[in-house]
């Protein structure tokens, strides 16, 4: 059996602003399900301003990109917002190729993303 490909943990960076730190690979299947559950749990706790910190993610597929967009949509519908931090290299290229960067704010790091949220 393959070992876990993704790590996911949440923390509060500022009052009302949560950071979901993701590491490893963000691929179809359990990886996306883990992100989905974390976003749902944050919404249930009224934590609706969320930063996805992808600085430790090395690989993302189309399902991973779709999960980021799904999380953004779910947060917007609940009255919140999503920002992405730390997307570089392959991730940055994928977000630009898919035009996701035009809809979701992209920042160099979580601290920068938390400003004026």
C-alpha atoms as a PDB file:
ATOM      1  CA  UNK A   1       0.000   0.000   0.000  1.00  0.00           C
ATOM      2  CA  UNK A   2       1.275   3.460  -0.903  1.00  0.00           C
ATOM      3  CA  UNK A   3       2.120   5.761   1.987  1.00  0.00           C
ATOM      4  CA  UNK A   4       0.256   9.015   2.513  1.00  0.00           C
ATOM      5  CA  UNK A   5       0.978  11.477  -0.251  1.00  0.00           C
ATOM      6  CA  UNK A   6      -0.412  14.544   1.406  1.00  0.00           C
ATOM      7  CA  UNK A   7      -0.168  16.329   4.711  1.00  0.00           C
ATOM      8  CA  UNK A   8      -2.846  18.768   5.813  1.00  0.00           C
ATOM      9  CA  UNK A   9      -3.052  20.830   8.983  1.00  0.00           C
ATOM     10  CA  UNK A  10      -4.809  24.045   9.958  1.00  0.00           C
ATOM     11  CA  UNK A  11      -3.788  26.929  12.147  1.00  0.00           C
ATOM     12  CA  UNK A  12      -5.016  30.445  12.816  1.00  0.00           C
ATOM     13  CA  UNK A  13      -2.734  33.184  11.463  1.00  0.00           C
ATOM     14  CA  UNK A  14      -4.892  36.178  12.445  1.00  0.00           C
ATOM     15  CA  UNK A  15      -8.288  36.643  14.081  1.00  0.00           C
ATOM     16  CA  UNK A  16     -10.801  34.932  11.806  1.00  0.00           C
ATOM     17  CA  UNK A  17      -8.170  33.834   9.279  1.00  0.00           C
ATOM     18  CA  UNK A  18      -7.174  30.166   9.019  1.00  0.00           C
ATOM     19  CA  UNK A  19      -4.217  28.728   7.132  1.00  0.00           C
ATOM     20  CA  UNK A  20      -4.484  25.220   5.732  1.00  0.00           C
ATOM     21  CA  UNK A  21      -0.921  23.996   5.223  1.00  0.00           C
ATOM     22  CA  UNK A  22      -0.702  21.302   2.574  1.00  0.00           C
ATOM     23  CA  UNK A  23       2.403  19.267   1.824  1.00  0.00           C
ATOM     24  CA  UNK A  24       3.298  16.512  -0.608  1.00  0.00           C
ATOM     25  CA  UNK A  25       1.241  15.799  -3.693  1.00  0.00           C
ATOM     26  CA  UNK A  26      -2.256  17.118  -4.365  1.00  0.00           C
ATOM     27  CA  UNK A  27      -3.792  14.491  -6.626  1.00  0.00           C
ATOM     28  CA  UNK A  28      -7.194  12.963  -7.378  1.00  0.00           C
ATOM     29  CA  UNK A  29      -8.758  10.768  -4.718  1.00  0.00           C
ATOM     30  CA  UNK A  30      -7.960  10.789  -1.021  1.00  0.00           C
ATOM     31  CA  UNK A  31      -5.787  13.914  -1.313  1.00  0.00           C
ATOM     32  CA  UNK A  32      -8.704  16.017  -2.555  1.00  0.00           C
ATOM     33  CA  UNK A  33     -11.068  14.400  -0.057  1.00  0.00           C
ATOM     34  CA  UNK A  34      -8.803  15.439   2.807  1.00  0.00           C
ATOM     35  CA  UNK A  35      -8.818  19.070   1.648  1.00  0.00           C
ATOM     36  CA  UNK A  36     -12.597  18.941   1.199  1.00  0.00           C
ATOM     37  CA  UNK A  37     -13.107  17.696   4.769  1.00  0.00           C
ATOM     38  CA  UNK A  38     -10.790  20.353   6.180  1.00  0.00           C
ATOM     39  CA  UNK A  39     -12.615  23.185   4.367  1.00  0.00           C
ATOM     40  CA  UNK A  40     -15.987  21.834   5.537  1.00  0.00           C
ATOM     41  CA  UNK A  41     -14.733  21.651   9.136  1.00  0.00           C
ATOM     42  CA  UNK A  42     -13.494  25.260   8.964  1.00  0.00           C
ATOM     43  CA  UNK A  43     -16.821  26.473   7.575  1.00  0.00           C
ATOM     44  CA  UNK A  44     -18.659  24.588  10.335  1.00  0.00           C
ATOM     45  CA  UNK A  45     -16.503  26.475  12.887  1.00  0.00           C
ATOM     46  CA  UNK A  46     -17.283  29.792  11.152  1.00  0.00           C
ATOM     47  CA  UNK A  47     -13.681  30.085   9.912  1.00  0.00           C
ATOM     48  CA  UNK A  48     -14.535  31.369   6.453  1.00  0.00           C
ATOM     49  CA  UNK A  49     -11.429  33.343   5.545  1.00  0.00           C
ATOM     50  CA  UNK A  50      -8.962  30.668   4.493  1.00  0.00           C
ATOM     51  CA  UNK A  51      -5.462  30.641   3.051  1.00  0.00           C
ATOM     52  CA  UNK A  52      -4.311  27.471   1.305  1.00  0.00           C
ATOM     53  CA  UNK A  53      -0.553  27.358   1.863  1.00  0.00           C
ATOM     54  CA  UNK A  54       0.818  25.266  -0.994  1.00  0.00           C
ATOM     55  CA  UNK A  55       4.497  26.083  -0.431  1.00  0.00           C
ATOM     56  CA  UNK A  56       5.249  22.421   0.390  1.00  0.00           C
ATOM     57  CA  UNK A  57       3.219  20.937  -2.492  1.00  0.00           C
ATOM     58  CA  UNK A  58       5.387  19.667  -5.321  1.00  0.00           C
ATOM     59  CA  UNK A  59       2.862  18.034  -7.679  1.00  0.00           C
ATOM     60  CA  UNK A  60      -0.743  18.901  -8.514  1.00  0.00           C
ATOM     61  CA  UNK A  61      -3.057  17.342 -11.094  1.00  0.00           C
ATOM     62  CA  UNK A  62      -6.283  18.592 -12.642  1.00  0.00           C
ATOM     63  CA  UNK A  63      -8.316  17.175  -9.750  1.00  0.00           C
ATOM     64  CA  UNK A  64      -6.108  19.102  -7.317  1.00  0.00           C
ATOM     65  CA  UNK A  65      -6.703  22.320  -9.256  1.00  0.00           C
ATOM     66  CA  UNK A  66     -10.408  21.498  -9.268  1.00  0.00           C
ATOM     67  CA  UNK A  67     -10.326  21.019  -5.488  1.00  0.00           C
ATOM     68  CA  UNK A  68      -8.786  24.473  -5.015  1.00  0.00           C
ATOM     69  CA  UNK A  69     -11.549  25.987  -7.178  1.00  0.00           C
ATOM     70  CA  UNK A  70     -14.218  23.942  -5.348  1.00  0.00           C
ATOM     71  CA  UNK A  71     -12.903  25.166  -1.990  1.00  0.00           C
ATOM     72  CA  UNK A  72     -12.949  28.759  -3.263  1.00  0.00           C
ATOM     73  CA  UNK A  73     -16.554  28.378  -4.464  1.00  0.00           C
ATOM     74  CA  UNK A  74     -17.716  26.711  -1.247  1.00  0.00           C
ATOM     75  CA  UNK A  75     -16.150  29.457   0.888  1.00  0.00           C
ATOM     76  CA  UNK A  76     -17.604  32.231  -1.295  1.00  0.00           C
ATOM     77  CA  UNK A  77     -21.100  30.693  -1.043  1.00  0.00           C
ATOM     78  CA  UNK A  78     -20.761  30.622   2.747  1.00  0.00           C
ATOM     79  CA  UNK A  79     -19.783  34.310   2.830  1.00  0.00           C
ATOM     80  CA  UNK A  80     -16.037  33.729   3.060  1.00  0.00           C
ATOM     81  CA  UNK A  81     -13.006  33.862   0.816  1.00  0.00           C
ATOM     82  CA  UNK A  82      -9.983  31.798  -0.178  1.00  0.00           C
ATOM     83  CA  UNK A  83      -6.454  32.871  -0.997  1.00  0.00           C
ATOM     84  CA  UNK A  84      -3.561  30.730  -2.172  1.00  0.00           C
ATOM     85  CA  UNK A  85      -0.057  31.170  -0.804  1.00  0.00           C
ATOM     86  CA  UNK A  86       3.290  29.732  -1.801  1.00  0.00           C
ATOM     87  CA  UNK A  87       2.405  28.331  -5.229  1.00  0.00           C
ATOM     88  CA  UNK A  88       5.669  28.277  -7.156  1.00  0.00           C
ATOM     89  CA  UNK A  89       7.311  26.277  -9.919  1.00  0.00           C
ATOM     90  CA  UNK A  90       4.955  23.723 -11.423  1.00  0.00           C
ATOM     91  CA  UNK A  91       2.002  24.888  -9.309  1.00  0.00           C
ATOM     92  CA  UNK A  92       2.393  28.506 -10.371  1.00  0.00           C
ATOM     93  CA  UNK A  93       2.548  27.417 -14.007  1.00  0.00           C
ATOM     94  CA  UNK A  94      -0.555  25.236 -13.698  1.00  0.00           C
ATOM     95  CA  UNK A  95      -2.577  28.011 -12.022  1.00  0.00           C
ATOM     96  CA  UNK A  96      -1.564  30.461 -14.772  1.00  0.00           C
ATOM     97  CA  UNK A  97      -2.231  27.946 -17.567  1.00  0.00           C
ATOM     98  CA  UNK A  98      -5.715  27.249 -16.195  1.00  0.00           C
ATOM     99  CA  UNK A  99      -6.345  30.959 -15.473  1.00  0.00           C
ATOM    100  CA  UNK A 100      -7.165  30.156 -11.819  1.00  0.00           C
ATOM    101  CA  UNK A 101      -4.855  32.975 -10.727  1.00  0.00           C
ATOM    102  CA  UNK A 102      -7.332  35.464 -12.230  1.00  0.00           C
ATOM    103  CA  UNK A 103     -10.151  34.321  -9.931  1.00  0.00           C
ATOM    104  CA  UNK A 104      -8.297  33.420  -6.728  1.00  0.00           C
ATOM    105  CA  UNK A 105      -5.755  35.696  -5.070  1.00  0.00           C
ATOM    106  CA  UNK A 106      -2.225  34.277  -5.237  1.00  0.00           C
ATOM    107  CA  UNK A 107       0.411  35.388  -2.726  1.00  0.00           C
ATOM    108  CA  UNK A 108       4.061  34.598  -2.072  1.00  0.00           C
ATOM    109  CA  UNK A 109       3.415  33.380   1.479  1.00  0.00           C
ATOM    110  CA  UNK A 110       0.675  33.015   4.105  1.00  0.00           C
ATOM    111  CA  UNK A 111       1.693  36.168   5.957  1.00  0.00           C
ATOM    112  CA  UNK A 112       1.318  38.264   2.806  1.00  0.00           C
ATOM    113  CA  UNK A 113      -2.013  36.576   2.022  1.00  0.00           C
ATOM    114  CA  UNK A 114      -3.358  37.415   5.487  1.00  0.00           C
ATOM    115  CA  UNK A 115      -2.879  41.159   5.005  1.00  0.00           C
ATOM    116  CA  UNK A 116      -6.093  43.131   4.384  1.00  0.00           C
ATOM    117  CA  UNK A 117      -8.169  39.954   4.262  1.00  0.00           C
END
